[in-house]
Protein backbone atom coordinates (compact mmCIF):
# COMPACT_ATOMS: atom_id res chain seq x y z
CA MET A 1 18.85 21.14 36.80
CA HIS A 2 16.44 18.98 34.86
CA ARG A 3 16.16 19.92 31.20
CA ALA A 4 15.49 18.48 27.78
CA ILE A 5 17.49 18.71 24.60
CA CYS A 6 16.68 18.04 20.94
CA GLY A 7 19.77 18.07 18.77
CA LYS A 8 21.51 21.26 19.89
CA LEU A 9 18.27 22.93 21.01
CA PRO A 10 17.89 23.04 24.83
CA PHE A 11 14.56 23.21 26.70
CA SER A 12 13.64 23.77 30.30
CA ILE A 13 11.03 21.47 31.84
CA SER A 14 7.93 23.24 33.12
CA GLY A 15 6.08 22.63 36.34
CA GLY A 16 9.15 21.54 38.25
CA LYS A 17 8.94 18.05 36.73
CA SER A 18 11.98 15.86 36.14
CA ALA A 19 13.37 14.32 32.97
CA THR A 20 12.47 10.89 34.34
CA TYR A 21 8.88 11.99 34.97
CA LEU A 22 8.35 13.14 31.35
CA HIS A 23 10.04 10.04 30.01
CA GLY A 24 7.79 7.78 32.09
CA LYS A 25 4.52 9.65 31.62
CA TYR A 26 4.78 10.30 27.88
CA SER A 27 7.05 7.42 26.80
CA VAL A 28 9.38 9.74 24.89
CA GLY A 29 13.10 10.25 24.71
CA LYS A 30 15.97 8.80 26.68
CA VAL A 31 17.14 9.96 30.10
CA SER A 32 20.81 10.76 30.61
CA GLY A 33 21.42 12.03 34.14
CA GLU A 34 19.04 14.96 34.56
CA THR A 35 18.57 15.47 30.80
CA LEU A 36 15.82 14.11 28.59
CA ILE A 37 17.20 13.55 25.07
CA LEU A 38 14.43 13.97 22.50
CA LYS A 39 13.91 13.43 18.81
CA PRO A 40 12.26 16.33 16.89
CA LEU A 41 8.76 14.84 16.84
CA GLU A 42 8.94 14.06 20.55
CA ALA A 43 10.16 17.56 21.41
CA LEU A 44 7.38 19.21 19.41
CA TYR A 45 4.82 16.94 21.08
CA LEU A 46 5.95 17.93 24.59
CA PHE A 47 6.17 21.60 23.61
CA SER A 48 2.60 21.53 22.26
CA ARG A 49 1.50 20.26 25.68
CA LYS A 50 3.49 22.97 27.45
CA ARG A 51 5.72 20.45 29.16
CA ILE A 52 8.96 21.92 27.83
CA ILE A 53 9.96 25.51 26.96
CA PRO A 54 12.83 26.56 24.66
CA GLU A 55 15.64 28.21 26.57
CA ASP A 56 15.98 30.56 23.61
CA LYS A 57 13.02 32.87 24.37
CA SER A 58 12.76 33.92 20.70
CA LEU A 59 11.59 30.37 19.88
CA ASN A 60 8.85 30.23 22.51
CA GLY A 61 5.97 29.97 20.08
CA MET A 62 4.89 27.46 17.46
CA PHE A 63 5.37 30.02 14.66
CA ARG A 64 9.09 30.33 15.42
CA LEU A 65 9.81 26.85 16.74
CA LEU A 66 8.08 24.72 14.11
CA PRO A 67 10.44 25.34 11.15
CA VAL A 68 13.50 25.17 13.40
CA ILE A 69 12.67 21.87 15.05
CA LEU A 70 11.15 20.04 12.08
CA GLY A 71 13.09 21.50 9.21
CA SER A 72 11.11 20.01 6.31
CA GLU A 73 7.57 19.63 5.03
CA GLU A 74 7.82 15.84 5.27
CA ASN A 75 8.56 16.03 8.99
CA LEU A 76 5.47 18.20 9.44
CA TYR A 77 3.34 15.41 7.97
CA ARG A 78 5.15 12.83 10.07
CA TYR A 79 4.31 14.85 13.16
CA ARG A 80 0.62 14.72 12.23
CA VAL A 81 0.81 10.92 12.36
CA PHE A 82 2.98 10.86 15.49
CA GLU A 83 0.53 13.10 17.34
CA ASN A 84 -2.39 10.89 16.32
CA LEU A 85 -0.61 7.80 17.61
CA LYS A 86 0.15 9.46 20.95
CA ALA A 87 -3.45 10.66 21.27
CA SER A 88 -4.54 7.03 20.74
CA GLY A 89 -2.45 5.95 23.71
CA PHE A 90 0.44 4.33 21.84
CA GLN A 91 4.09 4.29 22.73
CA VAL A 92 5.95 5.32 19.57
CA VAL A 93 9.49 4.65 18.41
CA VAL A 94 10.59 7.02 15.65
CA GLU A 95 13.16 5.78 13.14
CA PRO A 96 14.53 7.75 10.16
CA ASP A 97 12.23 6.03 7.63
CA ALA A 98 9.42 4.56 9.75
CA MET A 99 7.67 4.43 13.09
CA TYR A 100 6.83 1.51 15.35
CA PHE A 101 4.06 1.65 17.95
CA ARG A 102 2.43 -0.41 20.68
CA HIS A 103 0.18 -0.05 23.67
CA LYS A 104 1.83 -0.20 27.05
CA GLY A 105 2.08 -3.84 28.07
CA GLU A 106 2.10 -5.18 24.51
CA GLY A 107 5.21 -7.23 23.86
CA ILE A 108 5.54 -6.67 20.13
CA SER A 109 5.48 -3.32 18.34
CA ARG A 110 3.37 -2.82 15.24
CA GLY A 111 4.89 -1.49 12.06
CA PRO A 112 6.74 -0.44 10.14
CA LEU A 113 4.51 2.59 9.75
CA ILE A 114 5.54 4.72 6.79
CA VAL A 115 4.27 8.27 6.32
CA ARG A 116 3.59 9.60 2.84
CA MET A 117 2.05 12.72 1.35
CA GLU A 118 -0.74 12.16 -1.18
CA SER A 119 1.41 13.26 -4.15
CA MET A 120 4.38 11.08 -3.23
CA ALA A 121 5.07 7.91 -5.21
CA ASP A 122 6.47 4.52 -4.27
CA SER A 123 7.77 1.71 -6.41
CA PHE A 124 6.11 -1.67 -6.22
CA THR A 125 9.46 -3.16 -5.24
CA ASP A 126 9.77 -0.82 -2.25
CA VAL A 127 6.23 -1.40 -0.99
CA PHE A 128 6.47 -5.17 -1.42
CA SER A 129 9.80 -5.34 0.41
CA LYS A 130 8.30 -3.59 3.47
CA ALA A 131 5.11 -5.69 3.64
CA PRO A 132 3.43 -6.40 5.95
CA CYS A 133 3.40 -2.73 6.81
CA ILE A 134 1.19 0.29 7.35
CA TYR A 135 1.11 3.48 5.32
CA ALA A 136 -0.34 6.69 6.72
CA VAL A 137 -1.02 9.09 3.85
CA VAL A 138 -1.62 12.75 4.68
CA ASP A 139 -3.34 15.06 2.20
CA GLU A 140 -3.07 18.83 1.64
CA GLN A 141 -5.69 19.53 4.30
CA ASN A 142 -3.76 17.50 6.87
CA ASP A 143 -6.31 14.68 6.85
CA MET A 144 -4.85 11.21 7.23
CA THR A 145 -5.84 7.89 5.66
CA ILE A 146 -4.36 4.63 6.88
CA TYR A 147 -3.62 1.61 4.68
CA GLN A 148 -2.64 -1.92 5.66
CA VAL A 149 -0.37 -3.58 3.10
CA THR A 150 0.11 -7.35 3.09
CA LYS A 151 1.61 -9.82 0.66
CA TYR A 152 -1.02 -11.77 -1.24
CA GLU A 153 -1.04 -15.10 -3.08
CA PRO A 154 -3.99 -15.41 -5.51
CA ALA A 155 -5.46 -18.90 -5.47
CA GLY A 156 -8.38 -19.77 -7.73
CA GLN A 157 -10.29 -23.04 -7.98
CA ARG A 158 -10.49 -23.39 -11.76
CA LYS A 159 -8.78 -26.32 -13.46
CA ASP A 160 -9.36 -25.55 -17.11
CA ARG A 161 -8.07 -27.63 -19.97
CA TRP A 162 -6.23 -25.69 -22.64
CA PRO A 163 -5.89 -26.73 -26.29
CA GLU A 164 -2.73 -28.53 -27.39
CA SER A 165 -2.63 -26.39 -30.52
CA LEU A 166 -4.06 -23.02 -31.41
CA ASP A 167 -5.83 -21.96 -34.59
CA PHE A 168 -6.95 -18.35 -34.93
CA MET A 169 -7.82 -15.71 -37.49
CA VAL A 170 -7.12 -11.99 -37.20
CA ALA A 171 -9.87 -9.33 -37.39
CA GLY A 172 -8.40 -5.89 -36.78
CA ASP A 173 -6.92 -5.92 -33.30
CA ARG A 174 -9.04 -8.91 -32.25
CA TYR A 175 -8.47 -12.63 -32.73
CA ILE A 176 -11.06 -15.27 -33.57
CA VAL A 177 -10.85 -18.88 -32.42
CA PRO A 178 -13.33 -21.77 -32.50
CA SER A 179 -15.67 -21.48 -29.55
CA ASP A 180 -15.05 -25.02 -28.33
CA SER A 181 -11.26 -24.60 -28.31
CA VAL A 182 -11.12 -22.50 -25.15
CA PRO A 183 -12.90 -22.56 -21.74
CA GLU A 184 -16.42 -21.12 -21.70
CA TRP A 185 -15.40 -18.01 -19.73
CA PHE A 186 -12.62 -17.07 -22.10
CA GLY A 187 -13.22 -14.39 -24.75
CA GLU A 188 -16.54 -13.11 -26.13
CA GLU A 189 -19.02 -15.58 -27.60
CA MET A 190 -20.13 -14.99 -31.22
CA GLY A 191 -21.98 -18.03 -32.53
CA ASP A 192 -19.53 -20.88 -32.93
CA ALA A 193 -16.56 -18.54 -32.50
CA LYS A 194 -14.87 -16.65 -29.68
CA VAL A 195 -13.42 -13.17 -30.09
CA LEU A 196 -10.26 -12.69 -28.05
CA THR A 197 -8.34 -9.59 -27.07
CA PRO A 198 -4.58 -9.26 -27.73
CA THR A 199 -3.99 -9.91 -24.03
CA GLU A 200 -6.01 -13.13 -24.17
CA ILE A 201 -4.32 -14.40 -27.32
CA ARG A 202 -0.89 -13.69 -25.88
CA ALA A 203 -1.89 -15.61 -22.75
CA LEU A 204 -3.03 -18.54 -24.88
CA SER A 205 0.32 -18.43 -26.63
CA GLY A 206 1.88 -19.27 -23.29
CA LEU A 207 -0.62 -22.01 -22.40
CA VAL A 208 -0.73 -24.22 -25.49
CA GLN A 209 1.99 -26.55 -26.74
CA ARG A 210 1.87 -25.70 -30.45
CA ILE A 211 1.06 -22.31 -31.90
CA PRO A 212 1.16 -20.88 -35.44
CA ASP A 213 4.25 -18.96 -36.52
CA ALA A 214 2.22 -15.73 -36.44
CA ALA A 215 1.76 -16.08 -32.68
CA HIS A 216 5.51 -15.96 -32.05
CA ASP A 217 5.48 -12.26 -32.93
CA LEU A 218 2.80 -11.74 -30.28
CA LEU A 219 5.05 -13.23 -27.64
CA GLU A 220 7.62 -10.52 -28.29
CA GLN A 221 4.97 -7.88 -27.47
CA ARG A 222 4.21 -9.36 -24.07
CA GLU A 223 4.26 -6.74 -21.30
CA LEU A 224 3.94 -6.92 -17.52
CA THR A 225 0.13 -6.87 -17.71
CA ASP A 226 0.25 -9.92 -20.00
CA ARG A 227 2.52 -11.69 -17.57
CA VAL A 228 0.10 -10.97 -14.71
CA PHE A 229 -2.87 -12.14 -16.79
CA LEU A 230 -1.14 -15.43 -17.63
CA ASP A 231 0.05 -15.96 -14.06
CA MET A 232 -3.43 -15.42 -12.63
CA ILE A 233 -4.90 -17.95 -15.07
CA SER A 234 -2.17 -20.41 -14.14
CA ARG A 235 -3.22 -19.97 -10.49
CA GLY A 236 -6.75 -21.14 -11.32
CA CYS A 237 -8.40 -17.69 -11.54
CA ILE A 238 -10.86 -16.36 -14.10
CA VAL A 239 -9.55 -13.03 -15.34
CA LYS A 240 -11.58 -10.41 -17.20
CA THR A 241 -11.14 -6.71 -17.91
CA GLY A 242 -11.43 -4.36 -14.94
CA PHE A 243 -11.94 -1.25 -17.07
CA LYS A 244 -15.26 -0.19 -15.56
CA TYR A 245 -13.62 -0.24 -12.12
CA GLY A 246 -10.53 1.65 -13.25
CA SER A 247 -8.33 -1.45 -12.87
CA ASN A 248 -6.44 -3.64 -15.29
CA PHE A 249 -8.41 -6.75 -14.38
CA ARG A 250 -11.15 -8.20 -12.23
CA ALA A 251 -10.67 -11.77 -11.06
CA TYR A 252 -12.98 -14.59 -10.01
CA LEU A 253 -11.60 -17.26 -7.71
CA ARG A 254 -14.39 -19.85 -8.22
CA SER A 255 -16.94 -19.19 -10.94
CA ILE A 256 -17.81 -16.38 -13.31
CA GLU A 257 -21.37 -16.82 -12.06
CA ASP A 258 -20.23 -15.36 -8.73
CA HIS A 259 -19.16 -11.79 -8.12
CA ALA A 260 -15.50 -11.12 -8.83
CA GLU A 261 -13.59 -11.22 -5.56
CA LEU A 262 -10.59 -9.19 -6.71
CA LEU A 263 -9.71 -6.03 -8.55
CA LEU A 264 -6.19 -6.18 -9.88
CA SER A 265 -3.93 -3.37 -11.07
CA VAL A 266 -0.34 -3.49 -12.24
CA PHE A 267 2.22 -0.84 -11.43
CA GLU A 268 5.95 -0.19 -11.31
CA THR A 269 5.83 3.21 -9.56
CA GLU A 270 2.60 4.94 -8.52
CA GLU A 271 1.47 8.05 -6.64
CA TRP A 272 -0.49 7.46 -3.47
CA PHE A 273 -3.53 9.47 -4.56
CA LYS A 274 -3.97 6.95 -7.39
CA ILE A 275 -3.51 3.99 -5.05
CA SER A 276 -6.06 5.58 -2.72
CA ARG A 277 -8.56 5.97 -5.54
CA ALA A 278 -8.23 2.31 -6.52
CA VAL A 279 -8.68 1.12 -2.93
CA ARG A 280 -11.75 3.33 -2.50
CA VAL A 281 -13.39 1.90 -5.62
CA ALA A 282 -12.65 -1.67 -4.54
CA HIS A 283 -14.18 -1.03 -1.12
CA ALA A 284 -17.30 0.48 -2.70
CA VAL A 285 -17.91 -2.66 -4.78
CA ARG A 286 -16.90 -5.06 -1.97
CA LYS A 287 -13.77 -6.44 -3.58
CA LYS A 288 -10.18 -6.83 -2.48
CA MET A 289 -7.74 -4.42 -4.11
CA ILE A 290 -4.69 -6.29 -5.30
CA PHE A 291 -1.64 -4.77 -6.94
CA ALA A 292 0.86 -6.75 -9.00
CA GLY A 293 4.43 -5.91 -9.88
CA LEU A 294 8.00 -7.07 -10.03
CA SER A 295 10.44 -7.40 -7.17
CA GLY A 296 13.71 -8.33 -8.81
CA ASN A 297 12.66 -10.46 -11.75
CA SER A 298 9.86 -12.19 -9.87
CA LEU A 299 6.16 -11.37 -10.08
CA HIS A 300 4.45 -10.67 -6.75
CA TYR A 301 1.12 -9.43 -5.38
CA ILE A 302 0.12 -7.20 -2.48
CA GLN A 303 -3.26 -6.39 -0.98
CA VAL A 304 -3.91 -2.80 0.10
CA GLU A 305 -6.90 -2.09 2.31
CA ARG A 306 -8.04 1.04 4.09
CA VAL A 307 -7.85 0.86 7.88
CA ARG A 308 -10.13 2.92 10.07
CA ASP A 309 -7.62 3.44 12.87
CA PHE A 310 -4.26 2.27 14.18
CA ASN A 311 -5.93 -0.48 16.20
CA GLY A 312 -6.29 -2.37 12.95
CA LYS A 313 -10.03 -2.24 12.28
CA THR A 314 -10.52 -2.13 8.52
CA ALA A 315 -12.95 0.05 6.65
CA GLN A 316 -14.82 -3.13 5.62
CA ASP A 317 -15.56 -3.83 9.27
CA ASP A 318 -17.78 -0.74 9.32
CA SER A 319 -19.92 -1.91 6.41
C-alpha cells in the first residue's frame, strides 16, 4: 500500500496516487519502495493540498496537525517561505539551517536561503560567512520580505595627499586644523581653519607620519566605527556623517559634488527589523546599503538589498 511518512507520523495518499507520483509531481521527499519519506515542511505542504491524510484520524485537521508536525514557531515561519517557493514553481531542498531552490531544468540551486523572524538578530560574522545568500524575513503578520546579501569591496577614486605632520588645537569635543593642511572635503570650513570631529582627527592620526603627543591618547579611543572610517578613506572614498539617514556614514566614490553612492552602518549583532529599516531608507534615497563589521580580526563589508521575489529582481528594478 502506498503511503507517506514524516518522522514517525504515517499518512495515507489520497486519490489512489502512488508515492512515486507525488514525488515526481511536487518534487518532495524520497521514495523508498511504496513509501514517500517526507520532511515536516513537505508533509504539511502536501496535507494542505489534500494529497495526504494522517492515519491518526484525530490529526486530520490543520488545528491538530500543525503543532504536531512543525513543533516550533520558527518552523511555522519557515513553512511560510517554503510554501511561497513552491507556489512560484521552485523545487526546494530543505536543510536544518537553510533552503536551496531551483526551477526544474536549472543545473545549479540558488541559496542558501535563511529564514528569520523580524525580531531575530544575526552577528555580522555569521551573515558575512554565508554570503552570497538570501534572507527571507517574516513579520508578525506573516508578511515576508526578501533580502539579497553579497560581499562588497568599496572602491573610491580619490587620491588625496595627507600631511606629513599634524598640528591641531582643541575646542571642546572638536579639533581645529589649518584649512590647507587637509583635503577640501575633510572637516567643516571656518575661514582659514577646518573644524574636525573626533572621528576625523582619529582617522588623521592614522594617516600622517608625525603627530603630537596629545594625539596618541586619541588612538587608544579608536573604536570599530573609526576603523571603518579610516579604511574607507584609504580605499579612496569620501566619508561624511550619515546621521540624517540613520547610518554611521555616507560615502562618495568619486566627488563630493555628486550624490553619495553608499550609506554605511557598522554592527556586531543586529536585529532584522533594524537592518530592514536601514535598507528601506537607502532604497528611498537611491543609495546602496552597506554594512561593515569584523569577521575574525579582519574588517569586511556586505551589501544588503531588498529583492522583490525569489527570481532575483531587486526592488530598485521597479523604480
